[in-house]
Every structure is written in C-alpha cells, then in structure tokens.
Amino acid sequence: MPDIFAGMQGIERVLMSIAFIFIAAAVSRWQDSDLEKDLFIATFRSFVQLIAIGYVLELVFELHDPVFTVAILLVMTVIAGRTTAKRAHKTPQAQLISLLSIGFGTAMTLALLVALGVFDFVPKDIIPIGGMILGTSMTTATLVITRLSSDFHDQRGLIESKLALGATSRQASLSQFQRTIKSALTPIIDTTKTVGLIKLPGAMTGMILAGASPLEAVQLQIIVMYMLVGAATFTGLVAAWLTYRQYFTPVHQLVFE
C-alpha cells in the first residue's frame, strides 16, 4: 500500500493544518453564525474523500488503462452535474442541462488539449487536468443556469412585452442572455488578468513546492489558465442556450412550469 503522506514528514503537517478549521469554528461560534457543524462535516468529508481518491489514482496511474481514465472522468462529471442541479433546482431539466453543459465543456477542452499535443492521453495527465476543468465548468454552469433562470422570472413582464411587439424569443431575451454570460465569465477573466500579480495559482504553487523551477511552473500555469478560460466559455454558452430553451416554446411563447 503506498504511503499517501510520503515526503510530508508524516501526517503531522496535515493534522496541524486542521488548526485553521478550529479557528474558523471558533469565530463562527463567537459571531453566532452557526457554521461549526458544516465546517467539521466538510473537513471530515474532504479528508476522507481526498485520501480515498489518492489511493484510487495510485492504482489507475499504474494500470495506464484509458477505460479507467474515462470512467473516473464520467463519475466526476455526474457528481459535478448533480451538484449544479441542486443549486438550480428551480430550472426545468436542471439535471440534464447541468450534465450536458459540464460534459460538453470538459470534453471539448480535453479533446483540444490532446489533439494539439499539449497533454498526452494518460491517466497522470488527463485525470488531474480533467478535475481542474470540471471544477471550473461546474462553477460556470451553476452561475449561468441560476442567473438566467432568475432573470427570466424577475423580468418576465419585459420579455413578454418584447414578444408582444413581434420579437422572437432570442431577440426578447438577448439582453438577459448576454448579461448572464458576462457575469459568469467575469471572475475567471479577472483572475487571468491578475494571475502572478496578486495570487500564485494552485498549479504553479504546487509545482514550486514539489521542487520544479519557477519558469517550469509558470509554463504549466499559463496552459492551465488558458484552458480554464476555454472550458468556462464552452460550458457557459451551452448552459445558457439549454436554459434559455426551457423557457420558450417553438412558437416563441414564454412558459414557466
């Protein structure tokens, strides 16, 4: 069995880092925020999940079987889709929209990375990179679906007025569509603008801590940032289009379930 804490001076460093959780819980208790239970549950779950996935990845990396690689990515996609759907429960077909948009964004991004020769289709490359892409795609899909659905409900009168004047469903909801896409992509665009100036992202920091040279770490981080922008764009556009389709009939009538 591999030592999951090899090179970390044992488990002590991990246990010491839990001090931050106790500090956060103490602040929550002091301010009567009632977040202590959620903090401890999240801490326990993350610990167990990360240790478990560590052992699973050790096995998958040794097998070098693309079937297992794809299977893990599919499981991760389903979990991401379910997570987004829970946030967007007021949207019709939220589960399907989430799965399709996240799956499309992730698949397109990974396919381009492999086709362009940026990464090889091997578990040690595809699974970690796929996890980064899925995380960004999930966040983007959640922002798009919830924001667009909310706008359709809040601005129903405005949209119906445009439809009554002869606008198509696309024309009547164009401003909501555009605002949603802009709102969802702004965080990652701002992060890309300021990367290296106000933060050193995880991929770069991890490589430096692992002993890589800063320039090698920078090269990987550039790739990661650009691929995440692409993943967010792919996912956001598909999520927005699919969500928009749920609120209009083929004859351009606005509908709410």
Protein backbone atom coordinates (compact mmCIF):
# COMPACT_ATOMS: atom_id res chain seq x y z
CA MET A 1 0.00 0.00 0.00
CA PRO A 2 1.55 3.36 -0.97
CA ASP A 3 2.29 5.93 1.72
CA ILE A 4 -0.09 8.76 0.92
CA PHE A 5 1.87 11.08 3.20
CA ALA A 6 5.33 10.26 1.81
CA GLY A 7 7.52 13.34 1.63
CA MET A 8 5.28 15.30 4.01
CA GLN A 9 7.15 14.47 7.24
CA GLY A 10 4.27 12.22 8.19
CA ILE A 11 0.69 13.06 8.93
CA GLU A 12 1.69 15.73 11.45
CA ARG A 13 1.60 18.57 8.92
CA VAL A 14 -1.89 17.64 7.83
CA LEU A 15 -3.15 17.48 11.41
CA MET A 16 -1.53 20.82 12.23
CA SER A 17 -3.31 22.45 9.28
CA ILE A 18 -6.64 21.49 10.88
CA ALA A 19 -5.95 24.29 13.35
CA PHE A 20 -7.37 26.67 10.75
CA ILE A 21 -10.68 24.82 10.87
CA PHE A 22 -10.87 25.19 14.64
CA ILE A 23 -10.08 28.89 14.33
CA ALA A 24 -12.87 29.31 11.76
CA ALA A 25 -15.26 27.35 14.00
CA ALA A 26 -14.32 29.50 16.99
CA VAL A 27 -15.02 32.67 15.02
CA SER A 28 -18.34 31.22 13.86
CA ARG A 29 -19.28 30.39 17.44
CA TRP A 30 -18.19 33.84 18.63
CA GLN A 31 -20.34 35.54 15.98
CA ASP A 32 -23.26 33.09 16.40
CA SER A 33 -23.05 32.17 12.70
CA ASP A 34 -23.91 28.52 13.42
CA LEU A 35 -21.41 27.20 10.85
CA GLU A 36 -19.45 24.91 13.17
CA LYS A 37 -21.28 21.72 12.22
CA ASP A 38 -20.95 22.39 8.49
CA LEU A 39 -17.25 23.21 8.90
CA PHE A 40 -16.48 19.97 10.72
CA ILE A 41 -18.58 17.86 8.34
CA ALA A 42 -16.87 19.45 5.34
CA THR A 43 -13.45 18.91 6.91
CA PHE A 44 -14.10 15.25 7.63
CA ARG A 45 -15.60 14.59 4.20
CA SER A 46 -12.78 16.32 2.36
CA PHE A 47 -10.17 14.38 4.33
CA VAL A 48 -11.78 11.01 3.65
CA GLN A 49 -12.53 11.81 0.00
CA LEU A 50 -9.02 13.05 -0.76
CA ILE A 51 -7.31 10.09 0.91
CA ALA A 52 -9.63 7.70 -0.94
CA ILE A 53 -9.04 9.33 -4.33
CA GLY A 54 -5.31 9.30 -3.62
CA TYR A 55 -5.31 5.51 -3.40
CA VAL A 56 -7.63 5.18 -6.40
CA LEU A 57 -5.37 7.37 -8.53
CA GLU A 58 -2.30 5.39 -7.47
CA LEU A 59 -3.99 2.27 -8.84
CA VAL A 60 -5.26 3.91 -12.04
CA PHE A 61 -1.88 5.52 -12.78
CA GLU A 62 -0.21 2.12 -12.54
CA LEU A 63 -2.75 0.45 -14.86
CA HIS A 64 -2.44 3.02 -17.69
CA ASP A 65 -5.85 1.89 -18.95
CA PRO A 66 -7.84 4.56 -20.86
CA VAL A 67 -11.10 2.84 -19.89
CA PHE A 68 -10.50 3.55 -16.21
CA THR A 69 -9.46 7.11 -17.04
CA VAL A 70 -12.69 7.76 -18.91
CA ALA A 71 -14.73 6.03 -16.19
CA ILE A 72 -13.28 8.28 -13.49
CA LEU A 73 -13.94 11.40 -15.57
CA LEU A 74 -17.54 10.29 -16.15
CA VAL A 75 -18.12 9.75 -12.44
CA MET A 76 -16.65 13.17 -11.70
CA THR A 77 -18.88 14.73 -14.38
CA VAL A 78 -22.02 13.13 -12.94
CA ILE A 79 -21.16 14.39 -9.45
CA ALA A 80 -20.50 17.89 -10.81
CA GLY A 81 -23.78 17.82 -12.70
CA ARG A 82 -25.74 16.75 -9.64
CA THR A 83 -24.11 19.47 -7.56
CA THR A 84 -25.04 22.17 -10.07
CA ALA A 85 -28.57 20.79 -10.46
CA LYS A 86 -29.17 21.10 -6.72
CA ARG A 87 -28.33 24.80 -6.90
CA ALA A 88 -30.53 25.26 -9.97
CA HIS A 89 -33.48 23.21 -8.77
CA LYS A 90 -35.99 25.85 -9.95
CA THR A 91 -34.86 25.44 -13.56
CA PRO A 92 -36.72 22.87 -15.70
CA GLN A 93 -34.50 19.93 -16.68
CA ALA A 94 -31.71 21.30 -14.46
CA GLN A 95 -30.08 17.88 -14.11
CA LEU A 96 -29.90 17.29 -17.85
CA ILE A 97 -28.73 20.84 -18.59
CA SER A 98 -26.01 20.56 -15.98
CA LEU A 99 -24.71 17.23 -17.21
CA LEU A 100 -24.73 18.23 -20.88
CA SER A 101 -23.10 21.63 -20.41
CA ILE A 102 -20.42 20.44 -17.98
CA GLY A 103 -19.77 17.30 -20.01
CA PHE A 104 -19.52 19.24 -23.28
CA GLY A 105 -17.23 21.90 -21.84
CA THR A 106 -14.94 19.32 -20.29
CA ALA A 107 -14.87 17.01 -23.31
CA MET A 108 -14.18 19.83 -25.77
CA THR A 109 -11.37 21.26 -23.68
CA LEU A 110 -9.69 17.90 -23.09
CA ALA A 111 -10.09 16.93 -26.75
CA LEU A 112 -8.38 20.13 -27.88
CA LEU A 113 -5.56 19.73 -25.37
CA VAL A 114 -4.88 16.18 -26.56
CA ALA A 115 -5.36 16.98 -30.27
CA LEU A 116 -2.94 19.91 -30.06
CA GLY A 117 -0.37 17.79 -28.25
CA VAL A 118 -0.41 19.85 -25.07
CA PHE A 119 -1.04 16.73 -22.97
CA ASP A 120 -0.91 13.01 -23.67
CA PHE A 121 -4.00 10.91 -23.00
CA VAL A 122 -2.51 9.17 -19.99
CA PRO A 123 -4.09 9.00 -16.50
CA LYS A 124 -1.42 11.06 -14.73
CA ASP A 125 -2.10 13.97 -17.11
CA ILE A 126 -5.77 13.67 -18.02
CA ILE A 127 -7.32 12.99 -14.62
CA PRO A 128 -5.76 15.94 -12.71
CA ILE A 129 -6.30 18.30 -15.65
CA GLY A 130 -9.82 16.95 -16.11
CA GLY A 131 -10.53 17.65 -12.44
CA MET A 132 -9.46 21.28 -12.82
CA ILE A 133 -11.61 21.67 -15.91
CA LEU A 134 -14.63 20.03 -14.29
CA GLY A 135 -14.37 22.30 -11.26
CA THR A 136 -14.38 25.41 -13.43
CA SER A 137 -17.14 24.05 -15.66
CA MET A 138 -19.31 23.23 -12.65
CA THR A 139 -18.94 26.72 -11.21
CA THR A 140 -19.68 28.33 -14.56
CA ALA A 141 -22.73 26.15 -15.21
CA THR A 142 -24.12 26.94 -11.77
CA LEU A 143 -23.69 30.69 -12.29
CA VAL A 144 -25.24 30.62 -15.77
CA ILE A 145 -28.25 28.42 -15.03
CA THR A 146 -29.21 30.11 -11.77
CA ARG A 147 -28.67 33.67 -13.08
CA LEU A 148 -30.51 33.19 -16.37
CA SER A 149 -33.46 31.44 -14.73
CA SER A 150 -33.67 34.18 -12.13
CA ASP A 151 -33.63 36.88 -14.80
CA PHE A 152 -36.38 35.17 -16.76
CA HIS A 153 -38.59 35.04 -13.68
CA ASP A 154 -37.78 38.56 -12.47
CA GLN A 155 -38.10 40.18 -15.90
CA ARG A 156 -40.99 38.16 -17.23
CA GLY A 157 -43.08 41.25 -17.99
CA LEU A 158 -40.32 42.90 -20.00
CA ILE A 159 -39.70 39.77 -22.08
CA GLU A 160 -43.42 39.25 -22.74
CA SER A 161 -43.72 42.88 -23.85
CA LYS A 162 -40.99 42.36 -26.43
CA LEU A 163 -42.64 39.18 -27.64
CA ALA A 164 -45.96 41.01 -27.98
CA LEU A 165 -44.25 43.59 -30.20
CA GLY A 166 -43.11 40.86 -32.58
CA ALA A 167 -39.68 39.96 -31.23
CA THR A 168 -38.50 36.37 -31.46
CA SER A 169 -37.64 34.51 -28.27
CA ARG A 170 -33.96 35.07 -29.00
CA GLN A 171 -34.42 38.80 -29.51
CA ALA A 172 -36.66 39.18 -26.46
CA SER A 173 -34.17 37.50 -24.13
CA LEU A 174 -30.91 38.64 -25.72
CA SER A 175 -30.03 41.17 -23.01
CA GLN A 176 -30.59 38.57 -20.25
CA PHE A 177 -28.52 36.03 -22.20
CA GLN A 178 -25.63 38.46 -22.68
CA ARG A 179 -25.63 39.66 -19.07
CA THR A 180 -25.59 36.07 -17.82
CA ILE A 181 -22.61 35.08 -19.96
CA LYS A 182 -20.70 38.22 -18.98
CA SER A 183 -21.44 37.70 -15.29
CA ALA A 184 -20.37 34.04 -15.38
CA LEU A 185 -17.10 34.64 -17.24
CA THR A 186 -16.03 37.82 -15.43
CA PRO A 187 -14.48 36.03 -12.41
CA ILE A 188 -12.18 33.81 -14.48
CA ILE A 189 -11.30 36.67 -16.84
CA ASP A 190 -10.37 38.86 -13.86
CA THR A 191 -8.33 36.02 -12.39
CA THR A 192 -6.49 35.61 -15.70
CA LYS A 193 -5.77 39.35 -15.79
CA THR A 194 -4.22 39.41 -12.33
CA VAL A 195 -2.55 36.00 -12.13
CA GLY A 196 1.03 36.39 -10.97
CA LEU A 197 0.35 39.88 -9.62
CA ILE A 198 -1.97 39.28 -6.68
CA LYS A 199 -2.02 35.48 -6.48
CA LEU A 200 0.08 32.46 -7.37
CA PRO A 201 -2.44 29.80 -8.50
CA GLY A 202 -2.54 26.23 -7.28
CA ALA A 203 -0.85 24.51 -10.21
CA MET A 204 2.12 26.87 -10.12
CA THR A 205 2.42 26.80 -6.34
CA GLY A 206 2.19 23.01 -6.27
CA MET A 207 4.97 22.59 -8.81
CA ILE A 208 7.25 25.01 -6.97
CA LEU A 209 6.63 23.22 -3.66
CA ALA A 210 7.36 19.93 -5.44
CA GLY A 211 10.77 21.24 -6.49
CA ALA A 212 10.18 22.43 -10.06
CA SER A 213 11.81 25.63 -11.25
CA PRO A 214 9.60 28.76 -11.24
CA LEU A 215 9.83 29.02 -15.05
CA GLU A 216 8.61 25.44 -15.49
CA ALA A 217 5.78 26.17 -13.07
CA VAL A 218 4.87 29.33 -14.99
CA GLN A 219 4.64 27.43 -18.28
CA LEU A 220 2.18 24.95 -16.81
CA GLN A 221 0.18 27.68 -15.13
CA ILE A 222 -0.21 29.56 -18.40
CA ILE A 223 -1.59 26.42 -20.04
CA VAL A 224 -3.94 25.83 -17.11
CA MET A 225 -5.29 29.38 -17.10
CA TYR A 226 -5.97 29.43 -20.82
CA MET A 227 -7.61 26.02 -20.83
CA LEU A 228 -9.89 27.04 -17.94
CA VAL A 229 -10.99 30.14 -19.82
CA GLY A 230 -11.86 27.89 -22.76
CA ALA A 231 -13.71 25.40 -20.56
CA ALA A 232 -15.73 28.17 -18.91
CA THR A 233 -16.65 29.62 -22.30
CA PHE A 234 -17.73 26.27 -23.78
CA THR A 235 -19.73 25.36 -20.68
CA GLY A 236 -21.27 28.79 -20.24
CA LEU A 237 -22.56 29.05 -23.78
CA VAL A 238 -24.09 25.56 -23.77
CA ALA A 239 -25.64 26.04 -20.31
CA ALA A 240 -27.11 29.40 -21.33
CA TRP A 241 -28.54 28.07 -24.59
CA LEU A 242 -30.06 24.98 -22.98
CA THR A 243 -31.52 27.00 -20.11
CA TYR A 244 -32.97 29.57 -22.50
CA ARG A 245 -34.66 26.81 -24.50
CA GLN A 246 -36.54 25.62 -21.40
CA TYR A 247 -38.48 28.88 -21.15
CA PHE A 248 -39.74 29.22 -24.73
CA THR A 249 -41.94 27.13 -26.98
CA PRO A 250 -41.08 26.55 -30.66
CA VAL A 251 -43.54 29.37 -31.50
CA HIS A 252 -41.74 31.87 -29.25
CA GLN A 253 -44.06 31.80 -26.27
CA LEU A 254 -42.62 32.32 -22.79
CA VAL A 255 -43.51 29.43 -20.47
CA PHE A 256 -42.96 28.66 -16.80
CA GLU A 257 -43.57 25.30 -15.19
